[in-house]
Amino acid sequence: MPLSEHEQRLLDQIEQALYAEDPKWANSVRTRDPRNHYKRRLVKAWIGFALGVVMLMVGVVAAQIPLGAAGFVVMLAACLWGLSSWMRMNGIGDSPSAAPPRGRRSGRKQSFMERMEERWRRRRDEH
């Protein structure tokens, strides 16, 4: 959903004030690539996975079932976190499916309320 003109002006004013207050920090934030953030998260997920493997193995060798189960949960959580970071880094899952749902006339995505209003109008027109 795009911003209104008023919201866009406010956002521009805030950005200009931030840039005037601390140009070095504002420049570093502006030029930062979001993929680097996801790469760091992916590395942390690998470290978490390795920690989970170690916990699982120690739990198995020491016959401590709760430690082994905790290691498995840590491994699973790290895998899910890493997979979501990898998908976001590569842009997978961000775009809508190839076939848009029926009833969409415009190219932009409709909000829930817009879809409900359109259904209501169609129902009223049918009767």
C-alpha atoms as a PDB file:
ATOM      1  CA  MET A   1       0.000   0.000   0.000  1.00  0.00           C
ATOM      2  CA  PRO A   2       1.606   3.274  -1.054  1.00  0.00           C
ATOM      3  CA  LEU A   3       1.983   6.155   1.353  1.00  0.00           C
ATOM      4  CA  SER A   4      -0.259   9.184   1.094  1.00  0.00           C
ATOM      5  CA  GLU A   5       1.281  12.492   0.030  1.00  0.00           C
ATOM      6  CA  HIS A   6       1.230  13.763   3.608  1.00  0.00           C
ATOM      7  CA  GLU A   7       2.927  10.624   4.938  1.00  0.00           C
ATOM      8  CA  GLN A   8       5.527  10.779   2.163  1.00  0.00           C
ATOM      9  CA  ARG A   9       6.312  14.425   2.995  1.00  0.00           C
ATOM     10  CA  LEU A  10       6.669  13.578   6.689  1.00  0.00           C
ATOM     11  CA  LEU A  11       8.959  10.678   5.861  1.00  0.00           C
ATOM     12  CA  ASP A  12      11.096  12.919   3.633  1.00  0.00           C
ATOM     13  CA  GLN A  13      11.331  15.545   6.373  1.00  0.00           C
ATOM     14  CA  ILE A  14      12.388  12.950   8.928  1.00  0.00           C
ATOM     15  CA  GLU A  15      14.989  11.591   6.519  1.00  0.00           C
ATOM     16  CA  GLN A  16      16.389  15.057   5.819  1.00  0.00           C
ATOM     17  CA  ALA A  17      16.546  15.878   9.539  1.00  0.00           C
ATOM     18  CA  LEU A  18      18.326  12.600  10.236  1.00  0.00           C
ATOM     19  CA  TYR A  19      20.786  13.193   7.425  1.00  0.00           C
ATOM     20  CA  ALA A  20      21.487  16.735   8.674  1.00  0.00           C
ATOM     21  CA  GLU A  21      21.960  15.539  12.259  1.00  0.00           C
ATOM     22  CA  ASP A  22      24.335  12.651  11.572  1.00  0.00           C
ATOM     23  CA  PRO A  23      25.321  12.379   7.882  1.00  0.00           C
ATOM     24  CA  LYS A  24      27.894   9.635   8.449  1.00  0.00           C
ATOM     25  CA  TRP A  25      25.416   7.286  10.105  1.00  0.00           C
ATOM     26  CA  ALA A  26      22.612   8.146   7.663  1.00  0.00           C
ATOM     27  CA  ASN A  27      24.885   7.442   4.705  1.00  0.00           C
ATOM     28  CA  SER A  28      25.968   4.089   6.130  1.00  0.00           C
ATOM     29  CA  VAL A  29      22.326   3.076   6.686  1.00  0.00           C
ATOM     30  CA  ARG A  30      21.248   4.253   3.258  1.00  0.00           C
ATOM     31  CA  THR A  31      23.958   2.377   1.359  1.00  0.00           C
ATOM     32  CA  ARG A  32      23.747  -0.856   3.347  1.00  0.00           C
ATOM     33  CA  ASP A  33      22.653  -3.879   1.349  1.00  0.00           C
ATOM     34  CA  PRO A  34      19.922  -5.892   3.127  1.00  0.00           C
ATOM     35  CA  ARG A  35      21.412  -9.113   1.750  1.00  0.00           C
ATOM     36  CA  ASN A  36      24.396  -8.615   4.083  1.00  0.00           C
ATOM     37  CA  HIS A  37      22.014  -8.741   7.042  1.00  0.00           C
ATOM     38  CA  TYR A  38      20.616 -12.064   5.858  1.00  0.00           C
ATOM     39  CA  LYS A  39      24.111 -13.419   5.208  1.00  0.00           C
ATOM     40  CA  ARG A  40      25.035 -12.688   8.834  1.00  0.00           C
ATOM     41  CA  ARG A  41      21.842 -14.384   9.984  1.00  0.00           C
ATOM     42  CA  LEU A  42      22.721 -17.389   7.821  1.00  0.00           C
ATOM     43  CA  VAL A  43      26.167 -17.653   9.435  1.00  0.00           C
ATOM     44  CA  LYS A  44      24.576 -17.430  12.885  1.00  0.00           C
ATOM     45  CA  ALA A  45      22.141 -20.174  11.893  1.00  0.00           C
ATOM     46  CA  TRP A  46      25.061 -22.427  10.889  1.00  0.00           C
ATOM     47  CA  ILE A  47      26.708 -21.783  14.242  1.00  0.00           C
ATOM     48  CA  GLY A  48      23.425 -22.587  16.002  1.00  0.00           C
ATOM     49  CA  PHE A  49      23.090 -25.785  13.989  1.00  0.00           C
ATOM     50  CA  ALA A  50      26.614 -26.844  14.949  1.00  0.00           C
ATOM     51  CA  LEU A  51      25.847 -26.057  18.595  1.00  0.00           C
ATOM     52  CA  GLY A  52      22.705 -28.180  18.347  1.00  0.00           C
ATOM     53  CA  VAL A  53      24.678 -31.098  16.899  1.00  0.00           C
ATOM     54  CA  VAL A  54      27.180 -30.861  19.754  1.00  0.00           C
ATOM     55  CA  MET A  55      24.366 -30.744  22.308  1.00  0.00           C
ATOM     56  CA  LEU A  56      22.667 -33.726  20.684  1.00  0.00           C
ATOM     57  CA  MET A  57      25.856 -35.801  20.639  1.00  0.00           C
ATOM     58  CA  VAL A  58      26.742 -34.934  24.232  1.00  0.00           C
ATOM     59  CA  GLY A  59      23.203 -35.849  25.262  1.00  0.00           C
ATOM     60  CA  VAL A  60      23.446 -39.203  23.483  1.00  0.00           C
ATOM     61  CA  VAL A  61      26.912 -40.054  24.821  1.00  0.00           C
ATOM     62  CA  ALA A  62      26.117 -38.937  28.382  1.00  0.00           C
ATOM     63  CA  ALA A  63      22.683 -40.632  28.252  1.00  0.00           C
ATOM     64  CA  GLN A  64      20.939 -37.371  29.113  1.00  0.00           C
ATOM     65  CA  ILE A  65      17.761 -37.391  27.070  1.00  0.00           C
ATOM     66  CA  PRO A  66      16.701 -33.787  27.875  1.00  0.00           C
ATOM     67  CA  LEU A  67      20.051 -32.440  26.626  1.00  0.00           C
ATOM     68  CA  GLY A  68      19.791 -34.493  23.431  1.00  0.00           C
ATOM     69  CA  ALA A  69      16.217 -33.333  22.858  1.00  0.00           C
ATOM     70  CA  ALA A  70      17.244 -29.721  23.461  1.00  0.00           C
ATOM     71  CA  GLY A  71      20.066 -30.164  20.941  1.00  0.00           C
ATOM     72  CA  PHE A  72      17.596 -31.456  18.378  1.00  0.00           C
ATOM     73  CA  VAL A  73      15.271 -28.491  18.986  1.00  0.00           C
ATOM     74  CA  VAL A  74      18.205 -26.069  18.615  1.00  0.00           C
ATOM     75  CA  MET A  75      19.185 -27.775  15.337  1.00  0.00           C
ATOM     76  CA  LEU A  76      15.631 -27.567  14.026  1.00  0.00           C
ATOM     77  CA  ALA A  77      15.239 -23.902  15.004  1.00  0.00           C
ATOM     78  CA  ALA A  78      18.598 -23.022  13.428  1.00  0.00           C
ATOM     79  CA  CYS A  79      17.609 -24.789  10.206  1.00  0.00           C
ATOM     80  CA  LEU A  80      14.316 -22.931   9.995  1.00  0.00           C
ATOM     81  CA  TRP A  81      15.967 -19.597  10.773  1.00  0.00           C
ATOM     82  CA  GLY A  82      18.706 -20.232   8.221  1.00  0.00           C
ATOM     83  CA  LEU A  83      16.219 -21.324   5.577  1.00  0.00           C
ATOM     84  CA  SER A  84      14.079 -18.219   6.044  1.00  0.00           C
ATOM     85  CA  SER A  85      17.198 -16.019   5.882  1.00  0.00           C
ATOM     86  CA  TRP A  86      18.399 -17.788   2.748  1.00  0.00           C
ATOM     87  CA  MET A  87      15.002 -17.407   1.093  1.00  0.00           C
ATOM     88  CA  ARG A  88      14.810 -13.691   1.914  1.00  0.00           C
ATOM     89  CA  MET A  89      18.391 -13.145   0.794  1.00  0.00           C
ATOM     90  CA  ASN A  90      17.572 -14.693  -2.597  1.00  0.00           C
ATOM     91  CA  GLY A  91      14.155 -13.089  -2.891  1.00  0.00           C
ATOM     92  CA  ILE A  92      12.285 -16.388  -2.878  1.00  0.00           C
ATOM     93  CA  GLY A  93       8.741 -16.209  -1.585  1.00  0.00           C
ATOM     94  CA  ASP A  94       8.540 -12.409  -1.780  1.00  0.00           C
ATOM     95  CA  SER A  95       6.736 -12.286  -5.112  1.00  0.00           C
ATOM     96  CA  PRO A  96       3.119 -13.376  -5.535  1.00  0.00           C
ATOM     97  CA  SER A  97       2.318 -16.572  -7.407  1.00  0.00           C
ATOM     98  CA  ALA A  98       2.257 -16.566 -11.183  1.00  0.00           C
ATOM     99  CA  ALA A  99      -1.526 -16.918 -11.375  1.00  0.00           C
ATOM    100  CA  PRO A 100      -3.300 -14.152  -9.448  1.00  0.00           C
ATOM    101  CA  PRO A 101      -6.550 -15.035  -7.714  1.00  0.00           C
ATOM    102  CA  ARG A 102      -9.788 -14.508  -9.633  1.00  0.00           C
ATOM    103  CA  GLY A 103     -11.562 -11.201  -9.417  1.00  0.00           C
ATOM    104  CA  ARG A 104      -8.521  -8.964  -9.359  1.00  0.00           C
ATOM    105  CA  ARG A 105      -8.843  -6.285 -11.967  1.00  0.00           C
ATOM    106  CA  SER A 106      -5.913  -4.040 -11.174  1.00  0.00           C
ATOM    107  CA  GLY A 107      -2.227  -4.917 -11.076  1.00  0.00           C
ATOM    108  CA  ARG A 108      -1.807  -3.927  -7.432  1.00  0.00           C
ATOM    109  CA  LYS A 109      -2.585  -6.124  -4.462  1.00  0.00           C
ATOM    110  CA  GLN A 110      -5.933  -5.441  -2.819  1.00  0.00           C
ATOM    111  CA  SER A 111      -6.335  -5.183   0.905  1.00  0.00           C
ATOM    112  CA  PHE A 112      -8.648  -7.469   2.839  1.00  0.00           C
ATOM    113  CA  MET A 113     -11.237  -4.727   3.234  1.00  0.00           C
ATOM    114  CA  GLU A 114     -11.171  -3.881  -0.482  1.00  0.00           C
ATOM    115  CA  ARG A 115     -11.810  -7.531  -1.357  1.00  0.00           C
ATOM    116  CA  MET A 116     -14.701  -7.698   1.147  1.00  0.00           C
ATOM    117  CA  GLU A 117     -16.245  -4.502  -0.249  1.00  0.00           C
ATOM    118  CA  GLU A 118     -15.991  -5.849  -3.781  1.00  0.00           C
ATOM    119  CA  ARG A 119     -17.705  -9.100  -2.750  1.00  0.00           C
ATOM    120  CA  TRP A 120     -20.450  -7.134  -1.002  1.00  0.00           C
ATOM    121  CA  ARG A 121     -21.049  -5.004  -4.107  1.00  0.00           C
ATOM    122  CA  ARG A 122     -21.235  -8.112  -6.317  1.00  0.00           C
ATOM    123  CA  ARG A 123     -23.747  -9.739  -3.958  1.00  0.00           C
ATOM    124  CA  ARG A 124     -25.945  -6.638  -3.913  1.00  0.00           C
ATOM    125  CA  ASP A 125     -25.819  -6.358  -7.712  1.00  0.00           C
ATOM    126  CA  GLU A 126     -26.872 -10.006  -8.156  1.00  0.00           C
ATOM    127  CA  HIS A 127     -30.066  -9.601  -6.084  1.00  0.00           C
END
